Structures are given as C-alpha cells and as structure tokens.
Amino acid sequence: MARPTAATAKPPAVWPPAAAPLLYRALRAPVRAMLARCFGLVVEGVEQLPERGPYIVAANHHNYLDGVVLGVTVPHSISFLVMPRVWRATPLHPLFHRHIGSIAVDVDRPDPAALRRALETLGTGGVVGIFPEGPWSVRGQLEPGLPGVGLLALRSGAPVVPAAIRGTYEALVGRRCYVPRLHPLTVRFGPARRFTRAGVASAREARQDVTERIMADIAGLLG
C-alpha cells in the first residue's frame, strides 16, 4: 500500500511577485478583492500550504470558478493542468492559458508531454494545480479521481495539498453565458502529504492507491 507521510506545512510566505507570470500577477489581487466583496470568499487552512514549492494542489472540480478560487488564494503561482475543452473554450483561451502558465493535458489518453511539463515545473520549485476528477462534475458531487494525480505525485515525490471548494457549483448551475450568480464561496486546504510506492506490487496499483487516498483527503475536507 502506498503510504502517505505528513509534509511540512508552515504559514505561506508573502506572495513572490517575480515568481508569477505577468498576467497572473496583474489579475490576482483585483480578482481576489472582487470574490471577497461580491461572493464572500472564505479561505480556511491556508497555514497547511508549504512555505515554498514544489507542491501539488489537488481539488474537487465543478466549473471554471474552481481554478479562479485556487489561483487567488494559494500564495504561489499555480500551473494548472487544463483539459482541451477548457484550453480552447474560445479563440482567446489558448493565449490566455499560455500567459498564466497553464499546462494543456489530454484526459482521455496518456499524455507524456503534459506529464513532462508538470514534472519540469515541480522540478524547478513550482506549484502544479490538478483537478483529479478530470471533467467537471455535473451533479455537484465529488466524482472518482483519475490516476494522473497519483502518477504525478509518485513520479515527482512532491507533497500533495488537498483542497475542497464549496459554492462554485451553486454559483453557476443553470446559468447562461457562464456568468455566476452571487453565492458564498469557500476553499479549505488540508495537510500536505507525500506518497511513496512502498508495499505496492505494481506501478498501476500504486497510482490507483495514491489517487484514492488523495480523493479521500478531499472528501474529508468536504465532509
């Protein structure tokens, strides 16, 4: 069984402006202020985040607001793994994602290029954001995780911070043109953990085991 171990989780350092892409830096403060003022954004457990990278943030996923919430509440810039339909949502989206440091990933088949970019980001002390469910949950419930998060955690050795996001589903369900209704938003971070393959016979079983443990951490935060 792949065993988690607690990773150091100290209060995060002050946002390092030079570490984030220019567009990321420009948007972060005003967007956070807007979410706090209009949506009553509440952040819990920020002290669980490691003081510096590398680390992985793994969260539940309802819609595009999840990435926005994480992007403005984690003190370090996040390179999000983004599936094709989000990367190409409009003609401007590919340019936008490239300028905020996103990583395009195909969730329907193995994507070695995306894995390599994510590992390179972590290898240079960066932070990678992943939504293990893959496609958005259309029921407002936590869905089973895809094994990519387990693969990334094991290959990189980086600690994984689970995050539970509430309110984004209610803010956008049934809305046209992706304009959210005003609804309270909350994000809660859990303890960072490192995972190893110790005691697991096959790489596939190890990936699945780690994925299930990460999803259990997220479920515990939602519960």
Protein backbone atom coordinates (compact mmCIF):
# COMPACT_ATOMS: atom_id res chain seq x y z
CA MET A 1 0.00 0.00 0.00
CA ALA A 2 1.30 3.47 -0.90
CA ARG A 3 1.72 5.24 2.39
CA PRO A 4 1.29 8.96 2.90
CA THR A 5 3.59 10.88 5.17
CA ALA A 6 2.94 14.31 6.59
CA ALA A 7 4.83 17.09 4.81
CA THR A 8 5.99 20.29 6.44
CA ALA A 9 3.12 22.78 6.38
CA LYS A 10 4.07 26.22 7.65
CA PRO A 11 2.26 29.51 7.09
CA PRO A 12 2.91 30.53 3.47
CA ALA A 13 5.41 33.21 2.63
CA VAL A 14 4.39 36.56 1.20
CA TRP A 15 3.33 36.31 -2.43
CA PRO A 16 6.55 36.38 -4.51
CA PRO A 17 5.59 38.71 -7.40
CA ALA A 18 8.60 37.90 -9.56
CA ALA A 19 7.75 34.18 -9.49
CA ALA A 20 4.39 34.52 -11.23
CA PRO A 21 3.68 35.28 -14.90
CA LEU A 22 2.89 38.94 -15.53
CA LEU A 23 -0.79 38.37 -16.35
CA TYR A 24 -1.18 36.17 -13.28
CA ARG A 25 0.27 38.93 -11.09
CA ALA A 26 -1.92 41.58 -12.69
CA LEU A 27 -5.17 39.66 -12.17
CA ARG A 28 -4.64 38.07 -8.79
CA ALA A 29 -5.23 41.00 -6.39
CA PRO A 30 -8.27 42.57 -8.10
CA VAL A 31 -9.95 39.21 -8.68
CA ARG A 32 -9.45 38.17 -5.06
CA ALA A 33 -10.86 41.50 -3.88
CA MET A 34 -13.90 41.04 -6.13
CA LEU A 35 -14.53 37.49 -4.89
CA ALA A 36 -14.23 38.62 -1.28
CA ARG A 37 -16.55 41.60 -1.77
CA CYS A 38 -19.19 40.03 -4.04
CA PHE A 39 -19.05 36.33 -3.14
CA GLY A 40 -17.90 36.49 0.49
CA LEU A 41 -14.88 34.30 -0.29
CA VAL A 42 -13.66 32.46 2.83
CA VAL A 43 -10.28 30.71 2.96
CA GLU A 44 -9.58 28.04 5.59
CA GLY A 45 -6.40 26.13 6.34
CA VAL A 46 -4.00 28.36 4.41
CA GLU A 47 -1.41 27.55 7.07
CA GLN A 48 -1.40 24.00 5.68
CA LEU A 49 0.28 25.17 2.48
CA PRO A 50 4.05 24.60 2.31
CA GLU A 51 6.12 27.73 2.65
CA ARG A 52 7.59 27.17 -0.80
CA GLY A 53 7.34 24.79 -3.73
CA PRO A 54 7.45 22.30 -5.14
CA TYR A 55 4.00 21.02 -4.24
CA ILE A 56 0.78 19.87 -5.91
CA VAL A 57 -2.66 21.28 -5.13
CA ALA A 58 -5.44 18.73 -5.80
CA ALA A 59 -9.05 19.92 -5.58
CA ASN A 60 -12.61 18.97 -6.44
CA HIS A 61 -13.96 20.44 -9.65
CA HIS A 62 -17.32 21.91 -10.70
CA ASN A 63 -16.51 24.63 -13.24
CA TYR A 64 -14.00 27.32 -14.21
CA LEU A 65 -14.52 29.19 -10.93
CA ASP A 66 -12.55 26.49 -9.10
CA GLY A 67 -9.34 27.49 -10.86
CA VAL A 68 -10.04 31.14 -10.18
CA VAL A 69 -10.58 30.50 -6.46
CA LEU A 70 -7.37 28.49 -6.13
CA GLY A 71 -5.41 30.95 -8.25
CA VAL A 72 -6.17 33.85 -5.92
CA THR A 73 -5.92 32.03 -2.58
CA VAL A 74 -2.72 29.99 -2.93
CA PRO A 75 0.22 32.34 -2.20
CA HIS A 76 2.32 30.94 -5.07
CA SER A 77 1.53 30.96 -8.77
CA ILE A 78 -0.09 27.70 -9.90
CA SER A 79 0.50 25.97 -13.22
CA PHE A 80 -2.88 24.33 -13.76
CA LEU A 81 -3.33 21.17 -15.78
CA VAL A 82 -6.12 22.17 -18.21
CA MET A 83 -8.12 19.80 -20.41
CA PRO A 84 -8.65 20.58 -24.13
CA ARG A 85 -12.24 21.87 -23.97
CA VAL A 86 -11.18 24.46 -21.39
CA TRP A 87 -7.92 25.32 -23.16
CA ARG A 88 -9.85 26.01 -26.38
CA ALA A 89 -13.13 27.32 -24.89
CA THR A 90 -12.85 30.49 -27.02
CA PRO A 91 -10.30 31.68 -29.62
CA LEU A 92 -8.64 33.75 -26.89
CA HIS A 93 -8.34 30.98 -24.31
CA PRO A 94 -5.14 29.33 -25.64
CA LEU A 95 -3.33 32.68 -25.49
CA PHE A 96 -4.70 33.36 -22.01
CA HIS A 97 -3.63 29.97 -20.67
CA ARG A 98 -0.15 30.26 -22.12
CA HIS A 99 0.28 33.66 -20.45
CA ILE A 100 -0.74 32.40 -16.99
CA GLY A 101 1.43 29.28 -17.22
CA SER A 102 -1.25 26.60 -17.67
CA ILE A 103 -0.36 23.13 -18.96
CA ALA A 104 -2.62 21.55 -21.60
CA VAL A 105 -3.43 17.90 -20.82
CA ASP A 106 -5.49 15.25 -22.61
CA VAL A 107 -7.59 13.43 -20.01
CA ASP A 108 -8.84 10.78 -22.43
CA ARG A 109 -5.46 9.12 -23.05
CA PRO A 110 -1.91 9.11 -21.65
CA ASP A 111 -0.23 12.47 -22.23
CA PRO A 112 3.55 12.18 -21.72
CA ALA A 113 4.16 15.78 -22.85
CA ALA A 114 1.83 17.20 -20.18
CA LEU A 115 3.37 14.95 -17.51
CA ARG A 116 6.85 16.08 -18.55
CA ARG A 117 5.89 19.77 -18.30
CA ALA A 118 4.28 19.25 -14.90
CA LEU A 119 7.38 17.43 -13.64
CA GLU A 120 9.60 20.19 -15.01
CA THR A 121 7.51 22.79 -13.18
CA LEU A 122 7.81 20.87 -9.91
CA GLY A 123 11.48 20.22 -10.56
CA THR A 124 12.15 23.96 -10.59
CA GLY A 125 10.27 24.52 -7.33
CA GLY A 126 6.93 25.44 -8.87
CA VAL A 127 3.36 24.57 -7.90
CA VAL A 128 1.07 22.44 -10.06
CA GLY A 129 -2.72 22.52 -9.74
CA ILE A 130 -4.77 19.48 -10.71
CA PHE A 131 -8.45 18.56 -10.58
CA PRO A 132 -8.25 14.75 -10.25
CA GLU A 133 -11.88 14.19 -11.33
CA GLY A 134 -10.90 15.32 -14.83
CA PRO A 135 -14.05 16.72 -16.47
CA TRP A 136 -16.30 18.92 -14.38
CA SER A 137 -18.75 17.27 -12.03
CA VAL A 138 -22.22 17.98 -13.44
CA ARG A 139 -24.01 16.74 -10.29
CA GLY A 140 -22.31 18.91 -7.71
CA GLN A 141 -20.79 15.81 -6.08
CA LEU A 142 -17.25 14.51 -5.78
CA GLU A 143 -16.54 12.04 -8.59
CA PRO A 144 -13.86 9.28 -8.63
CA GLY A 145 -10.36 10.55 -9.37
CA LEU A 146 -8.35 9.72 -12.48
CA PRO A 147 -4.94 8.09 -11.85
CA GLY A 148 -2.98 11.02 -13.28
CA VAL A 149 -2.75 12.70 -9.89
CA GLY A 150 -1.30 9.52 -8.38
CA LEU A 151 1.21 9.24 -11.20
CA LEU A 152 2.31 12.86 -10.79
CA ALA A 153 2.62 12.53 -7.01
CA LEU A 154 4.72 9.37 -7.25
CA ARG A 155 6.93 10.49 -10.13
CA SER A 156 7.69 13.89 -8.62
CA GLY A 157 7.83 12.99 -4.93
CA ALA A 158 6.28 16.41 -4.27
CA PRO A 159 3.81 16.83 -1.40
CA VAL A 160 0.13 16.97 -2.32
CA VAL A 161 -2.14 19.55 -0.68
CA PRO A 162 -5.84 18.56 -0.85
CA ALA A 163 -8.33 21.39 -1.31
CA ALA A 164 -12.11 21.42 -1.01
CA ILE A 165 -14.01 24.13 -2.84
CA ARG A 166 -17.62 24.93 -1.99
CA GLY A 167 -20.12 27.22 -3.68
CA THR A 168 -18.83 27.25 -7.24
CA TYR A 169 -21.38 24.67 -8.38
CA GLU A 170 -24.27 26.67 -6.94
CA ALA A 171 -22.88 29.89 -8.40
CA LEU A 172 -23.00 28.59 -11.98
CA VAL A 173 -25.53 25.76 -12.16
CA GLY A 174 -28.23 26.65 -14.71
CA ARG A 175 -26.58 29.96 -15.62
CA ARG A 176 -26.25 31.09 -19.21
CA CYS A 177 -23.08 32.57 -20.68
CA TYR A 178 -21.10 31.39 -17.63
CA VAL A 179 -21.99 34.49 -15.62
CA PRO A 180 -22.19 33.37 -11.96
CA ARG A 181 -24.91 34.28 -9.52
CA LEU A 182 -23.76 35.79 -6.24
CA HIS A 183 -23.23 32.84 -3.90
CA PRO A 184 -20.83 32.36 -0.96
CA LEU A 185 -17.56 30.67 -1.89
CA THR A 186 -15.23 28.74 0.43
CA VAL A 187 -11.93 26.93 -0.07
CA ARG A 188 -10.42 24.72 2.61
CA PHE A 189 -6.88 23.32 2.46
CA GLY A 190 -5.79 20.14 4.23
CA PRO A 191 -2.39 18.88 5.40
CA ALA A 192 0.22 18.29 2.70
CA ARG A 193 1.28 14.66 2.27
CA ARG A 194 4.00 12.83 0.37
CA PHE A 195 3.29 9.44 -1.17
CA THR A 196 5.59 6.53 -1.96
CA ARG A 197 5.14 3.20 -3.69
CA ALA A 198 6.23 1.25 -0.61
CA GLY A 199 4.50 -2.13 -0.32
CA VAL A 200 2.64 -1.97 -3.65
CA ALA A 201 3.44 -4.65 -6.20
CA SER A 202 2.70 -2.83 -9.45
CA ALA A 203 3.02 0.76 -10.64
CA ARG A 204 -0.62 0.73 -11.75
CA GLU A 205 -1.83 -0.36 -8.31
CA ALA A 206 0.35 2.29 -6.70
CA ARG A 207 -1.10 5.05 -8.89
CA GLN A 208 -4.64 3.94 -8.12
CA ASP A 209 -3.95 3.63 -4.40
CA VAL A 210 -2.44 7.12 -4.17
CA THR A 211 -5.28 8.58 -6.24
CA GLU A 212 -7.87 7.06 -3.92
CA ARG A 213 -6.05 8.42 -0.87
CA ILE A 214 -5.91 11.91 -2.33
CA MET A 215 -9.61 11.77 -3.19
CA ALA A 216 -10.34 10.59 0.35
CA ASP A 217 -8.46 13.62 1.70
CA ILE A 218 -10.56 15.92 -0.49
CA ALA A 219 -13.77 14.13 0.56
CA GLY A 220 -12.81 14.53 4.21
CA LEU A 221 -12.42 18.29 3.75
CA LEU A 222 -15.79 18.50 2.00
CA GLY A 223 -17.45 16.46 4.73
